C-alpha atoms as a PDB file:
ATOM      1  CA  MET A   1     134.633 204.926 -12.404  1.00  0.00           C
ATOM      2  CA  GLY A   2     135.990 207.113  -9.602  1.00  0.00           C
ATOM      3  CA  LEU A   3     132.676 206.957  -7.729  1.00  0.00           C
ATOM      4  CA  PHE A   4     132.584 203.150  -8.109  1.00  0.00           C
ATOM      5  CA  ASN A   5     136.132 202.902  -6.743  1.00  0.00           C
ATOM      6  CA  SER A   6     135.216 205.047  -3.745  1.00  0.00           C
ATOM      7  CA  PHE A   7     132.496 202.541  -2.808  1.00  0.00           C
ATOM      8  CA  LEU A   8     135.010 199.696  -3.038  1.00  0.00           C
ATOM      9  CA  ARG A   9     137.639 201.490  -0.980  1.00  0.00           C
ATOM     10  CA  SER A  10     137.956 200.012   2.487  1.00  0.00           C
ATOM     11  CA  LYS A  11     137.463 202.127   5.571  1.00  0.00           C
ATOM     12  CA  ARG A  12     140.561 203.658   7.117  1.00  0.00           C
ATOM     13  CA  THR A  13     141.579 201.662  10.189  1.00  0.00           C
ATOM     14  CA  GLU A  14     144.369 202.038  12.707  1.00  0.00           C
ATOM     15  CA  SER A  15     145.684 199.861  15.531  1.00  0.00           C
ATOM     16  CA  VAL A  16     147.349 201.758  18.373  1.00  0.00           C
ATOM     17  CA  VAL A  17     149.204 200.586  21.471  1.00  0.00           C
ATOM     18  CA  LEU A  18     148.603 202.956  24.410  1.00  0.00           C
ATOM     19  CA  ILE A  19     151.237 203.136  27.140  1.00  0.00           C
ATOM     20  CA  ASP A  20     150.608 205.088  30.350  1.00  0.00           C
ATOM     21  CA  ILE A  21     153.633 205.700  32.581  1.00  0.00           C
ATOM     22  CA  GLY A  22     152.725 207.005  36.021  1.00  0.00           C
ATOM     23  CA  ALA A  23     154.603 207.485  39.268  1.00  0.00           C
ATOM     24  CA  GLY A  24     153.162 204.338  40.832  1.00  0.00           C
ATOM     25  CA  SER A  25     152.318 202.058  37.910  1.00  0.00           C
ATOM     26  CA  VAL A  26     152.472 201.534  34.166  1.00  0.00           C
ATOM     27  CA  ALA A  27     149.649 200.423  31.907  1.00  0.00           C
ATOM     28  CA  GLY A  28     149.251 199.251  28.352  1.00  0.00           C
ATOM     29  CA  ALA A  29     146.324 198.724  26.000  1.00  0.00           C
ATOM     30  CA  TYR A  30     145.482 197.813  22.431  1.00  0.00           C
ATOM     31  CA  ALA A  31     143.006 200.164  20.733  1.00  0.00           C
ATOM     32  CA  ARG A  32     141.336 199.808  17.358  1.00  0.00           C
ATOM     33  CA  TYR A  33     140.138 202.821  15.359  1.00  0.00           C
ATOM     34  CA  GLU A  34     137.917 202.534  12.327  1.00  0.00           C
ATOM     35  CA  GLU A  35     136.225 205.206  10.276  1.00  0.00           C
ATOM     36  CA  ASP A  36     132.585 205.809  11.236  1.00  0.00           C
ATOM     37  CA  GLU A  37     132.913 203.442  14.221  1.00  0.00           C
ATOM     38  CA  ALA A  38     133.420 204.040  17.926  1.00  0.00           C
ATOM     39  CA  PRO A  39     137.030 203.274  18.977  1.00  0.00           C
ATOM     40  CA  ALA A  40     137.460 199.971  20.789  1.00  0.00           C
ATOM     41  CA  LEU A  41     139.774 199.074  23.680  1.00  0.00           C
ATOM     42  CA  LEU A  42     140.411 195.366  23.200  1.00  0.00           C
ATOM     43  CA  TYR A  43     143.013 194.626  25.861  1.00  0.00           C
ATOM     44  CA  THR A  44     144.192 196.533  28.959  1.00  0.00           C
ATOM     45  CA  ARG A  45     146.703 195.681  31.663  1.00  0.00           C
ATOM     46  CA  ARG A  46     148.281 197.686  34.523  1.00  0.00           C
ATOM     47  CA  VAL A  47     151.498 196.738  36.392  1.00  0.00           C
ATOM     48  CA  PRO A  48     152.639 198.344  39.683  1.00  0.00           C
ATOM     49  CA  ILE A  49     156.046 199.995  39.980  1.00  0.00           C
ATOM     50  CA  GLU A  50     157.763 198.339  42.922  1.00  0.00           C
ATOM     51  CA  ALA A  51     161.127 199.835  43.777  1.00  0.00           C
ATOM     52  CA  ARG A  52     163.701 197.618  45.443  1.00  0.00           C
ATOM     53  CA  GLU A  53     165.677 198.862  48.404  1.00  0.00           C
ATOM     54  CA  GLY A  54     168.153 201.518  47.278  1.00  0.00           C
ATOM     55  CA  GLU A  55     166.871 201.401  43.672  1.00  0.00           C
ATOM     56  CA  ALA A  56     166.351 204.574  41.682  1.00  0.00           C
ATOM     57  CA  ARG A  57     162.714 205.337  40.847  1.00  0.00           C
ATOM     58  CA  GLU A  58     163.437 205.465  37.113  1.00  0.00           C
ATOM     59  CA  ARG A  59     165.055 202.022  37.149  1.00  0.00           C
ATOM     60  CA  ALA A  60     162.008 200.567  38.947  1.00  0.00           C
ATOM     61  CA  MET A  61     159.715 202.162  36.362  1.00  0.00           C
ATOM     62  CA  LEU A  62     161.712 200.748  33.447  1.00  0.00           C
ATOM     63  CA  ARG A  63     161.654 197.283  35.008  1.00  0.00           C
ATOM     64  CA  ALA A  64     157.862 197.502  35.377  1.00  0.00           C
ATOM     65  CA  LEU A  65     157.642 198.660  31.752  1.00  0.00           C
ATOM     66  CA  GLU A  66     159.665 195.616  30.700  1.00  0.00           C
ATOM     67  CA  VAL A  67     157.255 193.322  32.557  1.00  0.00           C
ATOM     68  CA  LEU A  68     154.286 195.114  30.992  1.00  0.00           C
ATOM     69  CA  GLY A  69     155.830 194.820  27.521  1.00  0.00           C
ATOM     70  CA  GLY A  70     156.192 191.078  27.921  1.00  0.00           C
ATOM     71  CA  ILE A  71     152.545 190.750  28.961  1.00  0.00           C
ATOM     72  CA  LEU A  72     151.362 192.897  26.057  1.00  0.00           C
ATOM     73  CA  VAL A  73     153.251 190.724  23.575  1.00  0.00           C
ATOM     74  CA  ARG A  74     152.344 187.347  25.105  1.00  0.00           C
ATOM     75  CA  GLU A  75     148.723 188.023  26.026  1.00  0.00           C
ATOM     76  CA  GLY A  76     147.630 191.303  24.493  1.00  0.00           C
ATOM     77  CA  ALA A  77     148.757 190.782  20.919  1.00  0.00           C
ATOM     78  CA  PRO A  78     147.010 187.370  20.535  1.00  0.00           C
ATOM     79  CA  ALA A  79     143.810 188.795  22.062  1.00  0.00           C
ATOM     80  CA  PHE A  80     144.008 191.776  19.741  1.00  0.00           C
ATOM     81  CA  ALA A  81     144.637 189.517  16.732  1.00  0.00           C
ATOM     82  CA  ARG A  82     141.607 187.384  17.577  1.00  0.00           C
ATOM     83  CA  ALA A  83     139.427 190.500  17.635  1.00  0.00           C
ATOM     84  CA  THR A  84     140.817 192.258  14.564  1.00  0.00           C
ATOM     85  CA  GLY A  85     142.598 189.626  12.478  1.00  0.00           C
ATOM     86  CA  SER A  86     146.032 191.138  13.093  1.00  0.00           C
ATOM     87  CA  GLY A  87     148.253 191.806  16.117  1.00  0.00           C
ATOM     88  CA  ARG A  88     150.228 194.503  14.281  1.00  0.00           C
ATOM     89  CA  ALA A  89     150.458 198.014  15.774  1.00  0.00           C
ATOM     90  CA  ASP A  90     150.427 201.016  13.450  1.00  0.00           C
ATOM     91  CA  ALA A  91     151.444 203.469  16.166  1.00  0.00           C
ATOM     92  CA  ILE A  92     152.286 203.746  19.849  1.00  0.00           C
ATOM     93  CA  LEU A  93     151.173 206.615  22.061  1.00  0.00           C
ATOM     94  CA  VAL A  94     153.123 207.033  25.304  1.00  0.00           C
ATOM     95  CA  SER A  95     151.794 209.254  28.079  1.00  0.00           C
ATOM     96  CA  ILE A  96     154.418 210.117  30.712  1.00  0.00           C
ATOM     97  CA  ASP A  97     153.388 211.519  34.086  1.00  0.00           C
ATOM     98  CA  ALA A  98     155.277 213.237  36.890  1.00  0.00           C
ATOM     99  CA  PRO A  99     157.998 213.055  38.090  1.00  0.00           C
ATOM    100  CA  TRP A 100     159.353 212.613  34.550  1.00  0.00           C
ATOM    101  CA  GLN A 101     157.394 215.375  32.842  1.00  0.00           C
ATOM    102  CA  LYS A 102     156.544 219.042  33.210  1.00  0.00           C
ATOM    103  CA  THR A 103     153.807 221.043  31.543  1.00  0.00           C
ATOM    104  CA  SER A 104     153.831 224.820  31.283  1.00  0.00           C
ATOM    105  CA  ILE A 105     151.983 227.719  29.669  1.00  0.00           C
ATOM    106  CA  ARG A 106     153.410 230.728  27.920  1.00  0.00           C
ATOM    107  CA  ILE A 107     151.915 233.578  25.919  1.00  0.00           C
ATOM    108  CA  GLU A 108     153.544 234.860  22.732  1.00  0.00           C
ATOM    109  CA  HIS A 109     152.589 238.403  21.732  1.00  0.00           C
ATOM    110  CA  ILE A 110     152.554 239.734  18.152  1.00  0.00           C
ATOM    111  CA  GLU A 111     152.062 243.468  17.760  1.00  0.00           C
ATOM    112  CA  ARG A 112     152.649 245.851  14.856  1.00  0.00           C
ATOM    113  CA  GLU A 113     151.886 249.485  14.142  1.00  0.00           C
ATOM    114  CA  ALA A 114     150.016 248.697  10.926  1.00  0.00           C
ATOM    115  CA  PRO A 115     147.204 246.114  10.750  1.00  0.00           C
ATOM    116  CA  PHE A 116     148.340 242.635   9.670  1.00  0.00           C
ATOM    117  CA  ILE A 117     146.739 239.366   8.577  1.00  0.00           C
ATOM    118  CA  PHE A 118     147.031 236.648  11.229  1.00  0.00           C
ATOM    119  CA  THR A 119     148.496 233.516   9.615  1.00  0.00           C
ATOM    120  CA  LYS A 120     149.877 230.109  10.592  1.00  0.00           C
ATOM    121  CA  SER A 121     153.356 231.260   9.566  1.00  0.00           C
ATOM    122  CA  LEU A 122     153.199 234.050  12.161  1.00  0.00           C
ATOM    123  CA  VAL A 123     152.298 231.456  14.803  1.00  0.00           C
ATOM    124  CA  MET A 124     155.133 229.142  13.765  1.00  0.00           C
ATOM    125  CA  LYS A 125     157.592 232.033  14.000  1.00  0.00           C
ATOM    126  CA  ALA A 126     156.273 232.945  17.451  1.00  0.00           C
ATOM    127  CA  LEU A 127     156.710 229.360  18.625  1.00  0.00           C
ATOM    128  CA  GLU A 128     160.415 229.587  17.844  1.00  0.00           C
ATOM    129  CA  ASN A 129     160.769 231.900  20.879  1.00  0.00           C
ATOM    130  CA  ARG A 130     160.651 228.934  23.247  1.00  0.00           C
ATOM    131  CA  VAL A 131     163.425 228.788  25.837  1.00  0.00           C
ATOM    132  CA  ALA A 132     165.696 225.780  25.523  1.00  0.00           C
ATOM    133  CA  ALA A 133     165.431 223.282  28.378  1.00  0.00           C
ATOM    134  CA  PRO A 134     168.626 221.263  28.925  1.00  0.00           C
ATOM    135  CA  GLU A 135     168.118 217.486  29.136  1.00  0.00           C
ATOM    136  CA  LYS A 136     164.433 217.856  28.301  1.00  0.00           C
ATOM    137  CA  LEU A 137     162.553 216.532  25.269  1.00  0.00           C
ATOM    138  CA  LEU A 138     159.854 218.731  23.737  1.00  0.00           C
ATOM    139  CA  ALA A 139     157.038 216.181  23.629  1.00  0.00           C
ATOM    140  CA  ASP A 140     154.126 218.428  22.723  1.00  0.00           C
ATOM    141  CA  GLU A 141     153.514 222.052  21.863  1.00  0.00           C
ATOM    142  CA  SER A 142     149.947 223.101  21.211  1.00  0.00           C
ATOM    143  CA  VAL A 143     148.259 226.448  20.622  1.00  0.00           C
ATOM    144  CA  ILE A 144     145.290 226.322  22.984  1.00  0.00           C
ATOM    145  CA  GLY A 145     143.959 229.834  22.509  1.00  0.00           C
ATOM    146  CA  THR A 146     144.276 232.975  20.376  1.00  0.00           C
ATOM    147  CA  LEU A 147     143.322 236.549  21.156  1.00  0.00           C
ATOM    148  CA  LEU A 148     143.080 239.150  18.398  1.00  0.00           C
ATOM    149  CA  ASN A 149     142.964 242.779  19.555  1.00  0.00           C
ATOM    150  CA  GLY A 150     142.314 241.471  23.074  1.00  0.00           C
ATOM    151  CA  TYR A 151     139.361 239.229  22.197  1.00  0.00           C
ATOM    152  CA  GLU A 152     139.316 235.436  22.145  1.00  0.00           C
ATOM    153  CA  THR A 153     138.935 234.188  18.579  1.00  0.00           C
ATOM    154  CA  SER A 154     138.149 230.578  17.736  1.00  0.00           C
ATOM    155  CA  SER A 155     138.968 230.862  13.978  1.00  0.00           C
ATOM    156  CA  PRO A 156     141.724 233.494  13.850  1.00  0.00           C
ATOM    157  CA  TYR A 157     143.554 232.651  10.607  1.00  0.00           C
ATOM    158  CA  GLY A 158     143.039 235.116   7.788  1.00  0.00           C
ATOM    159  CA  LYS A 159     141.659 237.833  10.049  1.00  0.00           C
ATOM    160  CA  ARG A 160     143.096 241.348  10.369  1.00  0.00           C
ATOM    161  CA  ALA A 161     144.509 242.587  13.683  1.00  0.00           C
ATOM    162  CA  HIS A 162     146.793 245.182  15.265  1.00  0.00           C
ATOM    163  CA  ARG A 163     147.929 242.810  18.002  1.00  0.00           C
ATOM    164  CA  ALA A 164     147.608 239.112  18.743  1.00  0.00           C
ATOM    165  CA  SER A 165     148.342 236.856  21.688  1.00  0.00           C
ATOM    166  CA  VAL A 166     148.937 233.134  21.254  1.00  0.00           C
ATOM    167  CA  ILE A 167     148.547 230.888  24.325  1.00  0.00           C
ATOM    168  CA  VAL A 168     150.889 227.921  24.036  1.00  0.00           C
ATOM    169  CA  LEU A 169     150.776 224.690  26.051  1.00  0.00           C
ATOM    170  CA  THR A 170     154.189 222.994  26.198  1.00  0.00           C
ATOM    171  CA  SER A 171     155.011 219.610  27.685  1.00  0.00           C
ATOM    172  CA  LEU A 172     158.582 218.548  28.377  1.00  0.00           C
ATOM    173  CA  ILE A 173     159.801 215.066  29.278  1.00  0.00           C
ATOM    174  CA  GLU A 174     163.108 213.957  30.776  1.00  0.00           C
ATOM    175  CA  ALA A 175     165.115 213.219  27.623  1.00  0.00           C
ATOM    176  CA  LYS A 176     166.975 210.170  28.965  1.00  0.00           C
ATOM    177  CA  THR A 177     163.763 208.640  30.292  1.00  0.00           C
ATOM    178  CA  ALA A 178     161.924 209.209  27.007  1.00  0.00           C
ATOM    179  CA  GLU A 179     164.795 207.775  24.969  1.00  0.00           C
ATOM    180  CA  ARG A 180     164.949 204.641  27.098  1.00  0.00           C
ATOM    181  CA  VAL A 181     161.179 204.144  26.985  1.00  0.00           C
ATOM    182  CA  VAL A 182     161.069 204.559  23.201  1.00  0.00           C
ATOM    183  CA  SER A 183     164.041 202.212  22.769  1.00  0.00           C
ATOM    184  CA  ASP A 184     162.364 199.516  24.880  1.00  0.00           C
ATOM    185  CA  LEU A 185     159.104 199.810  22.960  1.00  0.00           C
ATOM    186  CA  ARG A 186     160.864 199.618  19.584  1.00  0.00           C
ATOM    187  CA  SER A 187     162.399 196.325  20.646  1.00  0.00           C
ATOM    188  CA  LEU A 188     158.858 194.969  21.113  1.00  0.00           C
ATOM    189  CA  TYR A 189     156.980 196.439  18.154  1.00  0.00           C
ATOM    190  CA  HIS A 190     157.825 196.794  14.469  1.00  0.00           C
ATOM    191  CA  THR A 191     156.773 200.424  14.195  1.00  0.00           C
ATOM    192  CA  ARG A 192     158.756 203.628  14.328  1.00  0.00           C
ATOM    193  CA  HIS A 193     155.615 205.718  14.782  1.00  0.00           C
ATOM    194  CA  ILE A 194     156.026 206.293  18.540  1.00  0.00           C
ATOM    195  CA  LEU A 195     154.630 209.512  20.010  1.00  0.00           C
ATOM    196  CA  THR A 196     155.260 210.776  23.541  1.00  0.00           C
ATOM    197  CA  ILE A 197     153.268 213.376  25.474  1.00  0.00           C
ATOM    198  CA  ALA A 198     153.146 214.612  29.054  1.00  0.00           C
ATOM    199  CA  SER A 199     150.124 213.194  30.892  1.00  0.00           C
ATOM    200  CA  SER A 200     148.904 216.549  32.231  1.00  0.00           C
ATOM    201  CA  SER A 201     148.816 217.990  28.701  1.00  0.00           C
ATOM    202  CA  LEU A 202     146.970 214.959  27.352  1.00  0.00           C
ATOM    203  CA  ARG A 203     144.412 214.965  30.168  1.00  0.00           C
ATOM    204  CA  TYR A 204     143.743 218.694  29.889  1.00  0.00           C
ATOM    205  CA  GLN A 205     143.222 218.532  26.130  1.00  0.00           C
ATOM    206  CA  THR A 206     140.989 215.472  26.414  1.00  0.00           C
ATOM    207  CA  MET A 207     138.905 216.863  29.272  1.00  0.00           C
ATOM    208  CA  ARG A 208     138.449 220.172  27.436  1.00  0.00           C
ATOM    209  CA  ALA A 209     137.107 218.325  24.409  1.00  0.00           C
ATOM    210  CA  ALA A 210     134.895 216.032  26.530  1.00  0.00           C
ATOM    211  CA  PHE A 211     133.398 218.961  28.499  1.00  0.00           C
ATOM    212  CA  PRO A 212     133.462 221.917  26.067  1.00  0.00           C
ATOM    213  CA  HIS A 213     130.895 223.937  28.061  1.00  0.00           C
ATOM    214  CA  GLU A 214     132.902 223.800  31.305  1.00  0.00           C
ATOM    215  CA  ARG A 215     135.143 226.755  30.594  1.00  0.00           C
ATOM    216  CA  ASN A 216     136.097 227.456  34.233  1.00  0.00           C
ATOM    217  CA  VAL A 217     137.095 224.425  36.245  1.00  0.00           C
ATOM    218  CA  LEU A 218     139.719 222.905  38.519  1.00  0.00           C
ATOM    219  CA  ILE A 219     140.896 219.430  37.476  1.00  0.00           C
ATOM    220  CA  LEU A 220     142.190 217.598  40.549  1.00  0.00           C
ATOM    221  CA  ASP A 221     144.170 214.566  39.401  1.00  0.00           C
ATOM    222  CA  ALA A 222     144.735 212.108  42.233  1.00  0.00           C
ATOM    223  CA  THR A 223     145.062 208.957  40.153  1.00  0.00           C
ATOM    224  CA  GLY A 224     148.579 208.196  41.389  1.00  0.00           C
ATOM    225  CA  PRO A 225     150.969 208.846  44.270  1.00  0.00           C
ATOM    226  CA  LEU A 226     151.494 212.394  42.972  1.00  0.00           C
ATOM    227  CA  THR A 227     148.601 214.844  42.779  1.00  0.00           C
ATOM    228  CA  SER A 228     148.253 217.684  40.291  1.00  0.00           C
ATOM    229  CA  VAL A 229     145.830 220.587  40.108  1.00  0.00           C
ATOM    230  CA  ILE A 230     144.950 222.012  36.701  1.00  0.00           C
ATOM    231  CA  LEU A 231     143.239 225.392  36.541  1.00  0.00           C
ATOM    232  CA  VAL A 232     141.164 226.113  33.436  1.00  0.00           C
ATOM    233  CA  ARG A 233     139.927 229.680  32.995  1.00  0.00           C
ATOM    234  CA  ASN A 234     137.803 230.803  30.051  1.00  0.00           C
ATOM    235  CA  GLY A 235     138.566 227.460  28.398  1.00  0.00           C
ATOM    236  CA  PHE A 236     142.334 227.923  28.719  1.00  0.00           C
ATOM    237  CA  PHE A 237     144.831 225.855  30.702  1.00  0.00           C
ATOM    238  CA  VAL A 238     146.332 228.388  33.139  1.00  0.00           C
ATOM    239  CA  ALA A 239     148.304 226.573  35.851  1.00  0.00           C
ATOM    240  CA  VAL A 240     149.304 223.057  36.852  1.00  0.00           C
ATOM    241  CA  PRO A 241     150.973 222.942  40.270  1.00  0.00           C
ATOM    242  CA  GLU A 242     152.014 219.442  41.343  1.00  0.00           C
ATOM    243  CA  VAL A 243     151.633 218.359  44.947  1.00  0.00           C
ATOM    244  CA  ALA A 244     154.798 216.288  45.163  1.00  0.00           C
ATOM    245  CA  ASP A 245     154.746 212.939  46.981  1.00  0.00           C
ATOM    246  CA  THR A 246     151.194 213.500  48.200  1.00  0.00           C
ATOM    247  CA  ASP A 247     148.973 210.449  47.844  1.00  0.00           C
ATOM    248  CA  ALA A 248     145.218 210.735  48.317  1.00  0.00           C
ATOM    249  CA  LYS A 249     145.509 207.922  50.898  1.00  0.00           C
ATOM    250  CA  ASN A 250     147.480 210.185  53.267  1.00  0.00           C
ATOM    251  CA  ARG A 251     145.610 211.850  56.127  1.00  0.00           C
ATOM    252  CA  SER A 252     147.176 215.219  55.329  1.00  0.00           C
ATOM    253  CA  TRP A 253     146.228 215.081  51.632  1.00  0.00           C
ATOM    254  CA  VAL A 254     143.105 217.288  51.814  1.00  0.00           C
ATOM    255  CA  ARG A 255     144.982 219.957  53.775  1.00  0.00           C
ATOM    256  CA  THR A 256     147.830 219.935  51.252  1.00  0.00           C
ATOM    257  CA  VAL A 257     145.437 220.200  48.301  1.00  0.00           C
ATOM    258  CA  THR A 258     143.612 223.054  50.041  1.00  0.00           C
ATOM    259  CA  ASP A 259     146.922 224.885  50.427  1.00  0.00           C
ATOM    260  CA  GLU A 260     147.481 224.510  46.669  1.00  0.00           C
ATOM    261  CA  PHE A 261     144.026 225.931  46.004  1.00  0.00           C
ATOM    262  CA  ALA A 262     144.961 228.859  48.242  1.00  0.00           C
ATOM    263  CA  GLU A 263     148.151 229.497  46.236  1.00  0.00           C
ATOM    264  CA  ILE A 264     146.175 229.534  42.993  1.00  0.00           C
ATOM    265  CA  ALA A 265     143.575 231.866  44.571  1.00  0.00           C
ATOM    266  CA  LYS A 266     146.310 234.463  45.150  1.00  0.00           C
ATOM    267  CA  GLN A 267     146.431 235.019  41.380  1.00  0.00           C
ATOM    268  CA  TYR A 268     143.071 233.860  40.026  1.00  0.00           C
ATOM    269  CA  PRO A 269     139.471 233.602  41.212  1.00  0.00           C
ATOM    270  CA  LEU A 270     138.692 229.925  41.800  1.00  0.00           C
ATOM    271  CA  PRO A 271     136.007 228.315  39.615  1.00  0.00           C
ATOM    272  CA  ARG A 272     133.049 226.683  41.350  1.00  0.00           C
ATOM    273  CA  THR A 273     133.487 223.287  39.661  1.00  0.00           C
ATOM    274  CA  ILE A 274     136.125 220.672  40.517  1.00  0.00           C
ATOM    275  CA  PHE A 275     136.621 217.632  38.273  1.00  0.00           C
ATOM    276  CA  LEU A 276     138.031 214.845  40.434  1.00  0.00           C
ATOM    277  CA  LEU A 277     140.166 212.109  38.883  1.00  0.00           C
ATOM    278  CA  ALA A 278     141.072 209.269  41.247  1.00  0.00           C
ATOM    279  CA  ARG A 279     141.445 205.514  41.436  1.00  0.00           C
ATOM    280  CA  PRO A 280     138.043 203.774  41.020  1.00  0.00           C
ATOM    281  CA  SER A 281     138.338 202.062  44.404  1.00  0.00           C
ATOM    282  CA  GLU A 282     139.041 205.373  46.168  1.00  0.00           C
ATOM    283  CA  ILE A 283     137.095 208.028  44.279  1.00  0.00           C
ATOM    284  CA  SER A 284     134.015 207.918  46.534  1.00  0.00           C
ATOM    285  CA  SER A 285     136.017 208.256  49.750  1.00  0.00           C
ATOM    286  CA  VAL A 286     138.232 210.981  48.257  1.00  0.00           C
ATOM    287  CA  ARG A 287     135.155 212.940  47.193  1.00  0.00           C
ATOM    288  CA  GLU A 288     133.690 212.621  50.694  1.00  0.00           C
ATOM    289  CA  ARG A 289     136.894 213.898  52.282  1.00  0.00           C
ATOM    290  CA  LEU A 290     136.995 216.870  49.948  1.00  0.00           C
ATOM    291  CA  GLY A 291     133.292 217.558  50.496  1.00  0.00           C
ATOM    292  CA  ALA A 292     133.829 217.672  54.262  1.00  0.00           C
ATOM    293  CA  GLU A 293     136.476 220.412  53.925  1.00  0.00           C
ATOM    294  CA  ASN A 294     135.419 224.008  54.606  1.00  0.00           C
ATOM    295  CA  PHE A 295     136.440 225.941  51.483  1.00  0.00           C
ATOM    296  CA  GLY A 296     134.440 229.038  52.393  1.00  0.00           C
ATOM    297  CA  SER A 297     137.471 231.274  52.930  1.00  0.00           C
ATOM    298  CA  LEU A 298     138.866 230.408  49.488  1.00  0.00           C
ATOM    299  CA  TRP A 299     135.633 230.764  47.499  1.00  0.00           C
ATOM    300  CA  LEU A 300     134.340 233.635  49.661  1.00  0.00           C
ATOM    301  CA  SER A 301     130.984 231.885  49.838  1.00  0.00           C
ATOM    302  CA  ASP A 302     128.999 229.661  52.166  1.00  0.00           C
ATOM    303  CA  ASN A 303     128.178 227.429  49.204  1.00  0.00           C
ATOM    304  CA  PRO A 304     130.897 224.795  48.634  1.00  0.00           C
ATOM    305  CA  PRO A 305     132.282 224.151  45.144  1.00  0.00           C
ATOM    306  CA  LYS A 306     130.686 221.376  43.085  1.00  0.00           C
ATOM    307  CA  ILE A 307     132.907 218.270  43.075  1.00  0.00           C
ATOM    308  CA  ILE A 308     132.293 216.008  40.070  1.00  0.00           C
ATOM    309  CA  PRO A 309     133.967 212.563  40.141  1.00  0.00           C
ATOM    310  CA  ILE A 310     135.133 211.499  36.671  1.00  0.00           C
ATOM    311  CA  LEU A 311     134.985 207.774  35.959  1.00  0.00           C
ATOM    312  CA  ALA A 312     136.264 205.910  32.922  1.00  0.00           C
ATOM    313  CA  ASN A 313     132.808 204.625  31.975  1.00  0.00           C
ATOM    314  CA  GLN A 314     131.447 208.164  32.266  1.00  0.00           C
ATOM    315  CA  ILE A 315     133.990 210.043  30.182  1.00  0.00           C
ATOM    316  CA  GLY A 316     134.560 207.157  27.774  1.00  0.00           C
ATOM    317  CA  GLY A 317     131.031 207.014  26.405  1.00  0.00           C
ATOM    318  CA  THR A 318     132.394 206.998  22.861  1.00  0.00           C
ATOM    319  CA  ILE A 319     134.894 204.221  23.630  1.00  0.00           C
ATOM    320  CA  ARG A 320     133.794 200.589  23.339  1.00  0.00           C
ATOM    321  CA  GLN A 321     135.237 198.385  26.071  1.00  0.00           C
ATOM    322  CA  GLY A 322     136.033 195.097  24.350  1.00  0.00           C
ATOM    323  CA  THR A 323     137.529 193.572  27.473  1.00  0.00           C
ATOM    324  CA  THR A 324     136.239 192.318  30.800  1.00  0.00           C
ATOM    325  CA  ALA A 325     138.872 194.321  32.693  1.00  0.00           C
ATOM    326  CA  VAL A 326     137.671 197.253  34.814  1.00  0.00           C
ATOM    327  CA  PRO A 327     137.875 200.403  32.636  1.00  0.00           C
ATOM    328  CA  ASP A 328     141.143 202.236  33.282  1.00  0.00           C
ATOM    329  CA  LEU A 329     140.664 206.028  33.461  1.00  0.00           C
ATOM    330  CA  ALA A 330     144.171 206.969  32.257  1.00  0.00           C
ATOM    331  CA  ILE A 331     143.950 204.540  29.315  1.00  0.00           C
ATOM    332  CA  THR A 332     140.429 205.722  28.443  1.00  0.00           C
ATOM    333  CA  LEU A 333     141.625 209.337  28.347  1.00  0.00           C
ATOM    334  CA  MET A 334     144.483 208.281  26.074  1.00  0.00           C
ATOM    335  CA  ALA A 335     142.097 206.457  23.743  1.00  0.00           C
ATOM    336  CA  LEU A 336     139.896 209.565  23.562  1.00  0.00           C
ATOM    337  CA  TYR A 337     142.911 211.813  22.944  1.00  0.00           C
ATOM    338  CA  TRP A 338     144.022 209.726  19.972  1.00  0.00           C
ATOM    339  CA  HIS A 339     140.481 209.673  18.639  1.00  0.00           C
ATOM    340  CA  GLN A 340     140.228 213.471  18.907  1.00  0.00           C
ATOM    341  CA  SER A 341     143.648 214.355  17.541  1.00  0.00           C
ATOM    342  CA  GLY A 342     145.726 211.523  16.116  1.00  0.00           C
ATOM    343  CA  PHE A 343     143.231 209.423  14.179  1.00  0.00           C
ATOM    344  CA  LYS A 344     141.488 212.413  12.619  1.00  0.00           C
ATOM    345  CA  LYS A 345     144.725 213.522  10.987  1.00  0.00           C
ATOM    346  CA  GLU A 346     145.460 211.987   7.616  1.00  0.00           C
ATOM    347  CA  THR A 347     148.322 209.521   7.755  1.00  0.00           C
END
């Protein structure tokens, strides 16, 4: 009888609204997840943030979010309902970018005289050592690497060690901004399952899963008016300096990015691969400008680093685009992130 019931049981499905909040625009999408099926993006829309004279940047962002919310309800929900039979959202994932977020790395060390068994409870206790950040919301805290007795270990739990190091990725969001965003979204959707995460954390985790064999890489994110550089060494997120108020359209952009590479090179050897994230209309020209730069003094080689442009239709091979809109890279990364982490967890 139990086997018969299992055949009759419907597949687990989930409808998720994805909200991307950047420095220059906000975007929203409806995504459908179904067991044993590729996730589908069924509606996507992006709205620019246009600040009025003398207006605070946050206020302009919230106004753009309000406009986006109206579009998602009026146009997105009916389109989503036509495709799935329901316009209801089970969850909302909000990715918040600079200048309203900050991502950092810390290492927690566990060392004892006698050998001990490495357990999840030890990790949870170590995570309690985080330093409080006034007016910040802890949006995400993930263990991205574990070393036992100095060696990287992919399955550490239950193993014996004298010392352990836990590498923790933490993303913080401006508390007032997050509270306002969540409040506005709750007024639009009848769900309390709203999750927030810093964009740099989400993109790192998604890119690491999408390119598991690229263990040493620079991720240059120039998708908005602020640029960030993520250094990944031995598969671990190491540094994320942000090049404030530096748009890839500016003539001085390449020089500024090169200076950031130089700062990173003072502490770490630079990897020979650069993943480039940029607006679809600009990614070719940005790549050409980077390719024309002489990086020899930084890489101590006559051979330039390999620059790999990352496009939504390239990284989102497992995402079905159920809309005629041009694939949005930030939204595609969010859809992949939920597929890799959120949907796989039992609800």
